N, C-alpha and C. Protein backbone atom coordinates (compact mmCIF):
# COMPACT_ATOMS: atom_id res chain seq x y z
N MET A 1 87.36 55.90 161.91
CA MET A 1 87.14 56.13 163.34
C MET A 1 86.58 54.87 164.00
N ASN A 2 86.98 54.64 165.26
CA ASN A 2 86.27 53.62 166.02
C ASN A 2 85.09 54.29 166.73
N THR A 3 84.30 53.51 167.46
CA THR A 3 83.08 54.05 168.06
C THR A 3 83.37 55.19 169.01
N GLU A 4 84.35 55.01 169.89
CA GLU A 4 84.66 56.07 170.87
C GLU A 4 85.11 57.34 170.16
N GLU A 5 85.92 57.21 169.14
CA GLU A 5 86.40 58.39 168.42
C GLU A 5 85.25 59.15 167.77
N ALA A 6 84.30 58.41 167.19
CA ALA A 6 83.16 59.06 166.54
C ALA A 6 82.29 59.79 167.57
N ILE A 7 82.09 59.16 168.73
CA ILE A 7 81.27 59.79 169.78
C ILE A 7 81.92 61.07 170.27
N ARG A 8 83.23 61.02 170.50
CA ARG A 8 83.92 62.20 171.02
C ARG A 8 84.12 63.28 169.96
N ALA A 9 84.19 62.88 168.71
CA ALA A 9 84.41 63.85 167.62
C ALA A 9 83.12 64.53 167.19
N ARG A 10 81.96 63.91 167.46
CA ARG A 10 80.69 64.49 167.01
C ARG A 10 80.48 65.85 167.66
N LYS A 11 80.25 66.84 166.84
CA LYS A 11 80.00 68.19 167.31
C LYS A 11 78.90 68.82 166.47
N THR A 12 78.14 69.71 167.09
CA THR A 12 77.11 70.45 166.36
C THR A 12 77.76 71.59 165.58
N LEU A 13 77.41 71.70 164.31
CA LEU A 13 77.87 72.81 163.50
C LEU A 13 76.74 73.25 162.57
N LYS A 14 76.27 74.48 162.78
CA LYS A 14 75.24 75.04 161.91
C LYS A 14 75.92 75.91 160.86
N LEU A 15 75.45 75.81 159.64
CA LEU A 15 75.86 76.72 158.58
C LEU A 15 74.63 77.50 158.15
N ARG A 16 74.78 78.81 158.05
CA ARG A 16 73.67 79.68 157.66
C ARG A 16 74.08 80.57 156.50
N ALA A 17 73.40 80.40 155.38
CA ALA A 17 73.65 81.24 154.20
C ALA A 17 72.47 82.16 153.99
N ASN A 18 72.67 83.17 153.16
CA ASN A 18 71.59 84.11 152.87
C ASN A 18 70.51 83.41 152.05
N PRO A 19 69.27 83.33 152.55
CA PRO A 19 68.19 82.64 151.81
C PRO A 19 67.92 83.25 150.44
N GLU A 20 68.22 84.52 150.28
CA GLU A 20 67.96 85.17 148.99
C GLU A 20 69.08 84.94 147.98
N SER A 21 70.20 84.37 148.43
CA SER A 21 71.29 83.98 147.52
C SER A 21 71.93 82.72 148.09
N PRO A 22 71.21 81.60 148.02
CA PRO A 22 71.70 80.35 148.61
C PRO A 22 72.97 79.84 147.94
N LEU A 23 73.67 78.97 148.65
CA LEU A 23 74.87 78.37 148.09
C LEU A 23 74.49 77.46 146.93
N PRO A 24 75.35 77.33 145.94
CA PRO A 24 75.08 76.37 144.86
C PRO A 24 75.13 74.95 145.41
N VAL A 25 74.31 74.08 144.84
CA VAL A 25 74.32 72.68 145.25
C VAL A 25 75.54 72.01 144.63
N THR A 26 76.43 71.51 145.48
CA THR A 26 77.69 70.95 144.99
C THR A 26 77.69 69.43 144.94
N LYS A 27 76.79 68.79 145.67
CA LYS A 27 76.74 67.33 145.67
C LYS A 27 75.59 66.86 144.79
N GLY A 28 75.91 65.95 143.90
CA GLY A 28 74.92 65.48 142.94
C GLY A 28 74.16 64.25 143.40
N VAL A 29 73.66 63.52 142.44
CA VAL A 29 72.84 62.34 142.71
C VAL A 29 73.59 61.30 143.52
N GLU A 30 74.91 61.23 143.35
CA GLU A 30 75.69 60.21 144.06
C GLU A 30 75.62 60.38 145.58
N PHE A 31 75.33 61.61 146.04
CA PHE A 31 75.25 61.84 147.49
C PHE A 31 74.03 61.15 148.08
N ARG A 32 73.06 60.85 147.24
CA ARG A 32 71.87 60.15 147.73
C ARG A 32 72.24 58.79 148.33
N SER A 33 73.20 58.11 147.72
CA SER A 33 73.60 56.80 148.25
C SER A 33 74.26 56.96 149.62
N THR A 34 74.97 58.07 149.82
CA THR A 34 75.55 58.34 151.14
C THR A 34 74.46 58.57 152.17
N VAL A 35 73.46 59.34 151.81
CA VAL A 35 72.34 59.60 152.71
C VAL A 35 71.63 58.30 153.06
N GLU A 36 71.42 57.46 152.06
CA GLU A 36 70.76 56.18 152.31
C GLU A 36 71.58 55.31 153.25
N GLN A 37 72.89 55.35 153.10
CA GLN A 37 73.77 54.58 153.98
C GLN A 37 73.67 55.09 155.42
N LEU A 38 73.65 56.42 155.58
CA LEU A 38 73.51 56.99 156.93
C LEU A 38 72.21 56.56 157.58
N ILE A 39 71.13 56.56 156.81
CA ILE A 39 69.82 56.19 157.35
C ILE A 39 69.77 54.70 157.68
N GLU A 40 70.42 53.89 156.85
CA GLU A 40 70.46 52.45 157.14
C GLU A 40 71.19 52.18 158.44
N LEU A 41 72.27 52.92 158.69
CA LEU A 41 72.99 52.79 159.95
C LEU A 41 72.16 53.31 161.12
N ALA A 42 71.44 54.39 160.88
CA ALA A 42 70.55 54.93 161.92
C ALA A 42 69.55 53.87 162.37
N ALA A 43 69.05 53.11 161.42
CA ALA A 43 67.99 52.13 161.70
C ALA A 43 68.49 50.90 162.43
N GLN A 44 69.78 50.87 162.79
CA GLN A 44 70.28 49.78 163.62
C GLN A 44 70.00 50.03 165.10
N ALA A 45 69.37 51.15 165.41
CA ALA A 45 69.03 51.47 166.80
C ALA A 45 68.00 50.47 167.33
N PRO A 46 68.00 50.23 168.63
CA PRO A 46 67.02 49.30 169.21
C PRO A 46 65.65 49.95 169.32
N PHE A 47 64.62 49.15 169.22
CA PHE A 47 63.27 49.64 169.52
C PHE A 47 62.50 48.53 170.21
N HIS A 48 61.67 48.93 171.16
CA HIS A 48 60.96 47.98 172.01
C HIS A 48 59.62 47.57 171.40
N TYR A 49 58.86 48.57 170.95
CA TYR A 49 57.54 48.31 170.38
C TYR A 49 57.53 48.61 168.89
N GLU A 50 56.81 47.80 168.14
CA GLU A 50 56.63 48.07 166.72
C GLU A 50 55.69 49.26 166.53
N SER A 51 55.83 49.93 165.41
CA SER A 51 54.90 51.02 165.10
C SER A 51 53.51 50.43 164.88
N PRO A 52 52.45 51.18 165.24
CA PRO A 52 51.10 50.69 165.02
C PRO A 52 50.83 50.49 163.53
N GLU A 53 50.44 49.29 163.16
CA GLU A 53 50.31 48.93 161.75
C GLU A 53 49.34 49.84 161.00
N LYS A 54 48.25 50.21 161.65
CA LYS A 54 47.24 51.03 160.98
C LYS A 54 47.70 52.47 160.78
N GLN A 55 48.77 52.86 161.43
CA GLN A 55 49.29 54.23 161.32
C GLN A 55 50.41 54.33 160.27
N ARG A 56 50.79 53.22 159.68
CA ARG A 56 51.89 53.23 158.72
C ARG A 56 51.40 53.69 157.35
N ALA A 57 52.22 54.49 156.68
CA ALA A 57 51.90 54.91 155.31
C ALA A 57 51.98 53.70 154.39
N LYS A 58 51.22 53.72 153.32
CA LYS A 58 51.15 52.58 152.41
C LYS A 58 52.49 52.28 151.76
N ASN A 59 53.29 53.32 151.54
CA ASN A 59 54.58 53.11 150.87
C ASN A 59 55.72 52.84 151.84
N LEU A 60 55.48 53.03 153.13
CA LEU A 60 56.51 52.79 154.16
C LEU A 60 55.88 51.87 155.22
N LYS A 61 56.03 50.59 155.02
CA LYS A 61 55.30 49.62 155.84
C LYS A 61 56.15 48.99 156.95
N GLY A 62 57.35 49.50 157.16
CA GLY A 62 58.24 48.91 158.16
C GLY A 62 57.67 48.93 159.55
N SER A 63 58.09 47.98 160.37
CA SER A 63 57.60 47.89 161.74
C SER A 63 58.30 48.86 162.69
N GLU A 64 59.38 49.49 162.21
CA GLU A 64 60.12 50.43 163.06
C GLU A 64 59.23 51.61 163.48
N PRO A 65 59.46 52.18 164.66
CA PRO A 65 58.65 53.31 165.11
C PRO A 65 59.05 54.63 164.45
N TRP A 66 60.15 54.64 163.73
CA TRP A 66 60.64 55.87 163.09
C TRP A 66 60.42 55.84 161.59
N ARG A 67 60.45 57.02 161.00
CA ARG A 67 60.48 57.18 159.56
C ARG A 67 61.48 58.28 159.23
N PHE A 68 62.20 58.12 158.12
CA PHE A 68 63.15 59.13 157.68
C PHE A 68 62.76 59.59 156.28
N HIS A 69 62.58 60.88 156.13
CA HIS A 69 62.20 61.49 154.85
C HIS A 69 63.37 62.36 154.40
N ALA A 70 64.00 61.98 153.29
CA ALA A 70 65.22 62.65 152.84
C ALA A 70 64.95 63.64 151.72
N ILE A 71 65.66 64.75 151.76
CA ILE A 71 65.56 65.80 150.74
C ILE A 71 66.97 66.15 150.30
N ASP A 72 67.24 66.08 148.99
CA ASP A 72 68.58 66.40 148.51
C ASP A 72 68.79 67.91 148.43
N GLY A 73 69.97 68.32 147.98
CA GLY A 73 70.29 69.74 147.95
C GLY A 73 69.33 70.55 147.10
N ALA A 74 68.99 70.04 145.91
CA ALA A 74 68.05 70.74 145.04
C ALA A 74 66.68 70.84 145.71
N GLY A 75 66.28 69.77 146.40
CA GLY A 75 65.01 69.78 147.11
C GLY A 75 64.99 70.78 148.25
N CYS A 76 66.15 70.94 148.91
CA CYS A 76 66.25 71.95 149.99
C CYS A 76 66.03 73.35 149.43
N ARG A 77 66.59 73.61 148.24
CA ARG A 77 66.43 74.93 147.65
C ARG A 77 64.98 75.16 147.21
N SER A 78 64.33 74.10 146.72
CA SER A 78 62.92 74.22 146.31
C SER A 78 62.04 74.47 147.52
N LEU A 79 62.32 73.76 148.62
CA LEU A 79 61.56 73.98 149.85
C LEU A 79 61.79 75.40 150.36
N LEU A 80 63.02 75.87 150.27
CA LEU A 80 63.35 77.24 150.67
C LEU A 80 62.52 78.24 149.88
N GLU A 81 62.44 78.06 148.59
CA GLU A 81 61.66 78.98 147.74
C GLU A 81 60.19 78.97 148.15
N ALA A 82 59.66 77.79 148.45
CA ALA A 82 58.26 77.69 148.86
C ALA A 82 58.02 78.43 150.18
N LEU A 83 58.97 78.32 151.11
CA LEU A 83 58.83 79.00 152.40
C LEU A 83 58.95 80.51 152.23
N ILE A 84 59.85 80.94 151.35
CA ILE A 84 60.01 82.37 151.10
C ILE A 84 58.76 82.95 150.43
N ASP A 85 58.18 82.19 149.50
CA ASP A 85 56.95 82.64 148.82
C ASP A 85 55.82 82.82 149.81
N GLU A 86 55.81 81.96 150.84
CA GLU A 86 54.75 82.04 151.83
C GLU A 86 54.96 83.20 152.79
N LYS A 87 56.20 83.44 153.14
CA LYS A 87 56.50 84.47 154.14
C LYS A 87 57.84 85.11 153.82
N PRO A 88 57.93 86.43 153.84
CA PRO A 88 59.20 87.11 153.55
C PRO A 88 60.32 86.67 154.49
N VAL A 89 61.55 86.78 154.02
CA VAL A 89 62.71 86.38 154.82
C VAL A 89 62.99 87.40 155.91
N LYS A 90 63.30 86.88 157.11
CA LYS A 90 63.74 87.74 158.21
C LYS A 90 65.14 87.30 158.61
N SER A 91 65.84 88.17 159.28
CA SER A 91 67.22 87.85 159.67
C SER A 91 67.27 86.70 160.66
N THR A 92 66.15 86.43 161.33
CA THR A 92 66.12 85.37 162.34
C THR A 92 65.61 84.04 161.80
N ASP A 93 65.40 83.95 160.49
CA ASP A 93 64.87 82.72 159.90
C ASP A 93 65.96 81.66 159.79
N GLY A 94 66.26 81.01 160.92
CA GLY A 94 67.34 80.04 160.95
C GLY A 94 67.13 78.86 160.03
N ILE A 95 65.92 78.33 159.97
CA ILE A 95 65.64 77.18 159.11
C ILE A 95 65.88 77.53 157.65
N LYS A 96 65.41 78.70 157.24
CA LYS A 96 65.61 79.12 155.85
C LYS A 96 67.09 79.31 155.56
N GLN A 97 67.82 79.86 156.50
CA GLN A 97 69.25 80.08 156.31
C GLN A 97 69.99 78.75 156.17
N MET A 98 69.55 77.75 156.94
CA MET A 98 70.20 76.44 156.84
C MET A 98 69.81 75.71 155.56
N LEU A 99 68.57 75.88 155.12
CA LEU A 99 68.15 75.30 153.84
C LEU A 99 68.96 75.90 152.70
N ALA A 100 69.38 77.15 152.85
CA ALA A 100 70.17 77.82 151.82
C ALA A 100 71.60 77.32 151.76
N ALA A 101 72.02 76.55 152.79
CA ALA A 101 73.39 76.06 152.85
C ALA A 101 73.50 74.54 152.74
N ALA A 102 72.42 73.82 153.01
CA ALA A 102 72.50 72.36 153.18
C ALA A 102 72.72 71.59 151.89
N ASP A 103 73.47 70.51 152.01
CA ASP A 103 73.62 69.54 150.92
C ASP A 103 72.45 68.57 150.92
N ALA A 104 71.86 68.38 152.08
CA ALA A 104 70.71 67.48 152.22
C ALA A 104 70.04 67.74 153.56
N LEU A 105 68.81 67.29 153.67
CA LEU A 105 68.04 67.40 154.90
C LEU A 105 67.32 66.08 155.11
N ILE A 106 67.42 65.55 156.33
CA ILE A 106 66.72 64.32 156.68
C ILE A 106 65.75 64.62 157.81
N LEU A 107 64.47 64.39 157.56
CA LEU A 107 63.46 64.62 158.58
C LEU A 107 63.15 63.30 159.27
N GLY A 108 63.48 63.23 160.55
CA GLY A 108 63.23 62.02 161.33
C GLY A 108 61.93 62.17 162.12
N THR A 109 60.95 61.35 161.81
CA THR A 109 59.66 61.40 162.50
C THR A 109 59.42 60.10 163.25
N TRP A 110 58.44 60.13 164.14
CA TRP A 110 58.04 58.90 164.82
C TRP A 110 56.53 58.75 164.70
N ILE A 111 56.07 57.51 164.77
CA ILE A 111 54.65 57.20 164.55
C ILE A 111 53.98 56.92 165.89
N PRO A 112 53.06 57.80 166.31
CA PRO A 112 52.40 57.60 167.60
C PRO A 112 51.32 56.52 167.53
N GLU A 113 51.02 55.96 168.67
CA GLU A 113 49.86 55.08 168.77
C GLU A 113 48.61 55.88 168.45
N LYS A 114 47.59 55.23 167.95
CA LYS A 114 46.37 55.95 167.60
C LYS A 114 45.84 56.67 168.82
N ASN A 115 45.60 57.96 168.67
CA ASN A 115 45.25 58.82 169.81
C ASN A 115 43.74 58.83 170.03
N ARG A 116 43.35 58.53 171.26
CA ARG A 116 41.94 58.58 171.61
C ARG A 116 41.64 59.70 172.61
N SER A 117 42.64 60.51 172.90
CA SER A 117 42.44 61.61 173.84
C SER A 117 42.25 62.92 173.08
N LYS A 118 41.29 63.70 173.50
CA LYS A 118 40.98 64.94 172.81
C LYS A 118 41.99 66.03 173.18
N GLY A 119 42.30 66.87 172.20
CA GLY A 119 43.17 68.02 172.45
C GLY A 119 44.65 67.69 172.48
N ARG A 120 45.02 66.45 172.20
CA ARG A 120 46.43 66.08 172.20
C ARG A 120 46.79 65.42 170.87
N LYS A 121 48.00 65.65 170.43
CA LYS A 121 48.44 65.00 169.19
C LYS A 121 48.76 63.53 169.44
N TYR A 122 49.19 63.24 170.65
CA TYR A 122 49.44 61.84 171.02
C TYR A 122 49.28 61.71 172.53
N HIS A 123 49.00 60.49 172.96
CA HIS A 123 48.83 60.23 174.39
C HIS A 123 50.19 59.92 175.01
N PRO A 124 50.53 60.54 176.15
CA PRO A 124 51.85 60.32 176.76
C PRO A 124 51.93 58.99 177.52
N ASN A 125 51.71 57.89 176.80
CA ASN A 125 51.79 56.59 177.45
C ASN A 125 53.17 55.97 177.24
N VAL A 126 53.39 54.81 177.84
CA VAL A 126 54.71 54.18 177.78
C VAL A 126 55.11 53.84 176.35
N LYS A 127 54.18 53.34 175.54
CA LYS A 127 54.52 52.97 174.17
C LYS A 127 55.04 54.18 173.39
N ASN A 128 54.36 55.30 173.51
CA ASN A 128 54.80 56.49 172.79
C ASN A 128 56.14 57.00 173.32
N MET A 129 56.36 56.90 174.62
CA MET A 129 57.66 57.27 175.18
C MET A 129 58.76 56.39 174.58
N GLU A 130 58.46 55.11 174.44
CA GLU A 130 59.43 54.18 173.84
C GLU A 130 59.69 54.53 172.38
N HIS A 131 58.64 54.91 171.64
CA HIS A 131 58.81 55.29 170.24
C HIS A 131 59.73 56.51 170.11
N ILE A 132 59.52 57.50 170.99
CA ILE A 132 60.34 58.71 170.96
C ILE A 132 61.80 58.38 171.28
N ALA A 133 62.00 57.57 172.32
CA ALA A 133 63.36 57.20 172.72
C ALA A 133 64.07 56.44 171.61
N ALA A 134 63.36 55.52 170.97
CA ALA A 134 63.97 54.73 169.90
C ALA A 134 64.36 55.61 168.72
N THR A 135 63.48 56.55 168.38
CA THR A 135 63.76 57.44 167.25
C THR A 135 64.94 58.36 167.58
N GLY A 136 65.02 58.82 168.83
CA GLY A 136 66.16 59.62 169.25
C GLY A 136 67.46 58.84 169.13
N ALA A 137 67.42 57.55 169.50
CA ALA A 137 68.61 56.70 169.38
C ALA A 137 69.01 56.54 167.92
N ALA A 138 68.01 56.40 167.04
CA ALA A 138 68.30 56.27 165.61
C ALA A 138 68.94 57.54 165.06
N ILE A 139 68.45 58.70 165.50
CA ILE A 139 69.02 59.96 165.04
C ILE A 139 70.46 60.10 165.51
N GLN A 140 70.74 59.70 166.74
CA GLN A 140 72.12 59.76 167.23
C GLN A 140 73.02 58.84 166.41
N ASN A 141 72.52 57.65 166.06
CA ASN A 141 73.29 56.77 165.16
C ASN A 141 73.63 57.49 163.87
N LEU A 142 72.65 58.20 163.32
CA LEU A 142 72.84 58.92 162.06
C LEU A 142 73.92 59.98 162.21
N LEU A 143 73.88 60.72 163.31
CA LEU A 143 74.87 61.77 163.53
C LEU A 143 76.28 61.19 163.66
N LEU A 144 76.39 60.05 164.36
CA LEU A 144 77.70 59.42 164.52
C LEU A 144 78.21 58.89 163.19
N ALA A 145 77.30 58.34 162.38
CA ALA A 145 77.69 57.84 161.06
C ALA A 145 78.17 59.00 160.18
N ALA A 146 77.48 60.14 160.27
CA ALA A 146 77.88 61.31 159.50
C ALA A 146 79.26 61.80 159.96
N THR A 147 79.48 61.81 161.27
CA THR A 147 80.78 62.22 161.81
C THR A 147 81.89 61.31 161.29
N ASP A 148 81.62 60.02 161.26
CA ASP A 148 82.61 59.05 160.78
C ASP A 148 83.00 59.33 159.33
N GLN A 149 82.06 59.87 158.55
CA GLN A 149 82.34 60.17 157.15
C GLN A 149 82.78 61.62 156.93
N GLY A 150 82.97 62.35 158.02
CA GLY A 150 83.44 63.72 157.90
C GLY A 150 82.40 64.71 157.42
N ILE A 151 81.11 64.39 157.63
CA ILE A 151 80.02 65.26 157.18
C ILE A 151 79.57 66.15 158.32
N ASN A 152 79.53 67.45 158.08
CA ASN A 152 79.02 68.38 159.08
C ASN A 152 77.51 68.21 159.20
N ALA A 153 77.02 67.97 160.41
CA ALA A 153 75.59 67.71 160.60
C ALA A 153 75.06 68.49 161.80
N TYR A 154 73.79 68.79 161.74
CA TYR A 154 73.13 69.52 162.83
C TYR A 154 71.73 68.94 163.04
N TRP A 155 71.42 68.61 164.28
CA TRP A 155 70.11 68.10 164.67
C TRP A 155 69.26 69.27 165.15
N SER A 156 68.31 69.68 164.34
CA SER A 156 67.39 70.77 164.68
C SER A 156 66.05 70.18 165.10
N SER A 157 65.34 70.90 165.96
CA SER A 157 63.98 70.46 166.34
C SER A 157 62.99 70.68 165.20
N GLY A 158 63.37 71.48 164.21
CA GLY A 158 62.55 71.61 163.00
C GLY A 158 61.90 72.95 162.77
N GLY A 159 61.62 73.69 163.84
CA GLY A 159 61.03 75.01 163.66
C GLY A 159 59.80 75.00 162.77
N CYS A 160 59.82 75.83 161.73
CA CYS A 160 58.68 75.95 160.83
C CYS A 160 58.41 74.67 160.03
N LEU A 161 59.38 73.75 160.00
CA LEU A 161 59.18 72.50 159.28
C LEU A 161 58.15 71.61 159.97
N ARG A 162 57.83 71.93 161.22
CA ARG A 162 56.83 71.16 161.95
C ARG A 162 55.40 71.50 161.53
N LYS A 163 55.23 72.62 160.83
CA LYS A 163 53.88 73.07 160.49
C LYS A 163 53.18 72.05 159.59
N PRO A 164 51.90 71.78 159.85
CA PRO A 164 51.16 70.79 159.04
C PRO A 164 51.22 71.08 157.55
N LYS A 165 51.16 72.37 157.16
CA LYS A 165 51.16 72.68 155.73
C LYS A 165 52.52 72.39 155.10
N VAL A 166 53.59 72.49 155.87
CA VAL A 166 54.91 72.16 155.34
C VAL A 166 55.04 70.64 155.18
N LEU A 167 54.59 69.91 156.20
CA LEU A 167 54.63 68.45 156.12
C LEU A 167 53.77 67.95 154.96
N LYS A 168 52.63 68.60 154.76
CA LYS A 168 51.76 68.23 153.64
C LYS A 168 52.46 68.51 152.31
N TYR A 169 53.12 69.65 152.21
CA TYR A 169 53.87 70.00 151.00
C TYR A 169 54.91 68.93 150.67
N LEU A 170 55.51 68.36 151.72
CA LEU A 170 56.54 67.35 151.54
C LEU A 170 55.98 65.94 151.39
N GLY A 171 54.67 65.80 151.57
CA GLY A 171 54.05 64.49 151.44
C GLY A 171 54.22 63.60 152.64
N ILE A 172 54.46 64.19 153.81
CA ILE A 172 54.63 63.42 155.04
C ILE A 172 53.29 63.30 155.75
N PRO A 173 52.87 62.10 156.12
CA PRO A 173 51.57 61.93 156.78
C PRO A 173 51.42 62.84 158.00
N LYS A 174 50.23 63.42 158.15
CA LYS A 174 50.02 64.44 159.17
C LYS A 174 50.12 63.90 160.59
N HIS A 175 49.93 62.58 160.77
CA HIS A 175 49.99 62.05 162.13
C HIS A 175 51.42 61.73 162.58
N GLU A 176 52.38 61.69 161.63
CA GLU A 176 53.77 61.49 162.03
C GLU A 176 54.27 62.75 162.73
N ILE A 177 55.09 62.56 163.75
CA ILE A 177 55.56 63.69 164.56
C ILE A 177 57.06 63.88 164.34
N LEU A 178 57.43 65.08 163.96
CA LEU A 178 58.84 65.38 163.67
C LEU A 178 59.64 65.47 164.96
N LEU A 179 60.66 64.64 165.05
CA LEU A 179 61.55 64.68 166.21
C LEU A 179 62.86 65.39 165.89
N GLY A 180 63.32 65.25 164.66
CA GLY A 180 64.58 65.90 164.31
C GLY A 180 64.70 66.21 162.83
N ALA A 181 65.14 67.42 162.53
CA ALA A 181 65.48 67.81 161.16
C ALA A 181 67.01 67.83 161.12
N ILE A 182 67.60 66.86 160.45
CA ILE A 182 69.05 66.72 160.44
C ILE A 182 69.60 67.32 159.15
N PHE A 183 70.26 68.45 159.29
CA PHE A 183 70.86 69.14 158.15
C PHE A 183 72.26 68.59 157.91
N LEU A 184 72.56 68.26 156.67
CA LEU A 184 73.90 67.83 156.28
C LEU A 184 74.52 68.95 155.43
N PHE A 185 75.63 69.47 155.90
CA PHE A 185 76.22 70.66 155.29
C PHE A 185 77.49 70.32 154.49
N PRO A 186 77.88 71.20 153.57
CA PRO A 186 79.09 70.97 152.77
C PRO A 186 80.35 71.06 153.62
N ASP A 187 81.40 70.43 153.12
CA ASP A 187 82.69 70.46 153.83
C ASP A 187 83.36 71.82 153.69
N GLU A 188 83.21 72.43 152.52
CA GLU A 188 83.83 73.74 152.26
C GLU A 188 82.75 74.75 151.93
N TYR A 189 82.93 75.97 152.39
CA TYR A 189 81.92 77.00 152.20
C TYR A 189 82.60 78.37 152.26
N PRO A 190 82.02 79.37 151.62
CA PRO A 190 82.62 80.71 151.61
C PRO A 190 82.59 81.37 152.99
N GLU A 191 83.44 82.37 153.16
CA GLU A 191 83.53 83.06 154.45
C GLU A 191 82.24 83.80 154.80
N SER A 192 81.42 84.08 153.80
CA SER A 192 80.17 84.80 154.05
C SER A 192 79.15 83.95 154.82
N VAL A 193 79.36 82.64 154.83
CA VAL A 193 78.43 81.74 155.53
C VAL A 193 78.67 81.84 157.04
N GLN A 194 77.59 82.01 157.78
CA GLN A 194 77.68 82.07 159.23
C GLN A 194 77.79 80.65 159.79
N THR A 195 78.65 80.48 160.78
CA THR A 195 78.79 79.19 161.43
C THR A 195 78.48 79.33 162.92
N LYS A 196 77.92 78.29 163.49
CA LYS A 196 77.61 78.33 164.91
C LYS A 196 77.69 76.92 165.47
N THR A 197 78.35 76.78 166.60
CA THR A 197 78.46 75.48 167.26
C THR A 197 77.34 75.33 168.29
N GLY A 198 77.20 74.15 168.84
CA GLY A 198 76.15 73.90 169.83
C GLY A 198 76.32 74.75 171.07
N LYS A 199 75.22 75.29 171.58
CA LYS A 199 75.30 76.22 172.73
C LYS A 199 75.68 75.52 174.02
N ASN A 200 75.51 74.19 174.08
CA ASN A 200 75.84 73.46 175.31
C ASN A 200 77.15 72.69 175.21
N ALA A 201 77.90 72.95 174.15
CA ALA A 201 79.14 72.20 173.93
C ALA A 201 80.11 72.32 175.10
N ASP A 202 80.12 73.48 175.75
CA ASP A 202 81.06 73.70 176.85
C ASP A 202 80.43 73.51 178.22
N ASN A 203 79.20 73.00 178.23
CA ASN A 203 78.49 72.84 179.50
C ASN A 203 78.46 71.41 180.02
N ARG A 204 79.24 70.55 179.40
CA ARG A 204 79.27 69.16 179.85
C ARG A 204 80.10 69.05 181.12
N GLY A 205 79.54 68.38 182.12
CA GLY A 205 80.23 68.25 183.39
C GLY A 205 81.14 67.04 183.43
N GLU A 206 81.68 66.79 184.61
CA GLU A 206 82.48 65.60 184.83
C GLU A 206 81.54 64.42 185.09
N LEU A 207 82.07 63.22 185.01
CA LEU A 207 81.27 62.00 185.21
C LEU A 207 80.50 62.05 186.52
N SER A 208 81.16 62.56 187.56
CA SER A 208 80.54 62.60 188.89
C SER A 208 79.36 63.58 188.97
N ASP A 209 79.22 64.45 187.95
CA ASP A 209 78.11 65.40 187.96
C ASP A 209 76.80 64.77 187.51
N TYR A 210 76.88 63.62 186.81
CA TYR A 210 75.64 63.03 186.30
C TYR A 210 75.58 61.51 186.47
N MET A 211 76.50 60.93 187.27
CA MET A 211 76.50 59.49 187.46
C MET A 211 76.87 59.15 188.89
N ASP A 212 76.15 58.17 189.44
CA ASP A 212 76.57 57.61 190.73
C ASP A 212 76.26 56.12 190.74
N TRP A 213 76.82 55.43 191.71
CA TRP A 213 76.54 54.01 191.92
C TRP A 213 75.42 53.90 192.95
N VAL A 214 74.42 53.10 192.68
CA VAL A 214 73.29 52.95 193.62
C VAL A 214 73.14 51.48 194.01
N GLY A 215 72.44 51.27 195.12
CA GLY A 215 72.21 49.89 195.55
C GLY A 215 73.32 49.35 196.42
C-alpha cells in the first residue's frame, strides 16, 4: 500500500470472544518482531517537547514523550485470567472479551510533566497537551502500519486497563497515563466471535463540513 491507500483502508474492527473460553493463541514468538516493527514505525511521529527526564523509567530512558508496553497473545490470556479472578465476567466486559481474542496488545502511554497541582493527575499546560498530541500521532502511525500489513487493529481507550492496580500488575509506572490500548486481532476467527466496526465510520462528512480557507 502507499500512504493514501493505508489511510483510506484503515478501519476499526473489534473482535470479542467468550472470556471463559478464549481463542487459542495462533501467533508465536515470531509475531513479536512484527509488533516491534509496528512500534518502531509508530515512533517516527513528530514530537515537540522531550519527556521529562526525571519521569522516565530506568529501563526506558528515551526522550520521546510516549512509551509502548507490548503484551503477546499468551500474555493477553494471562492478563485475562487475572482480571477474571478479580471480578466475575459480565456480558458487557468488552476489554475481557477482546483479550480473549487478541494476538497481541500494545499499551500506548504518555509521560506527563511533574505535577505540582493538587487533585490532578497532570497539569493541563501546553507541554502536556503537546505530549498527548504526539502520542496520538504515534498511535495513528501504528494503526496505519498495521493496516499496511493486513492486521486487524482496534484503538481502545483502555477501560479497566487504566486502573492503577492493573498497570502495577503489568509493571507500568503509575505516573504514565494510558492514551490507547491497541488490540491486534487474528486474520481468521470462528463465527462465534463477535465483530464490531467503529461507531463513527459512517459519520464522516464532506471536506466542506470540516475545512475552510481563512485569511
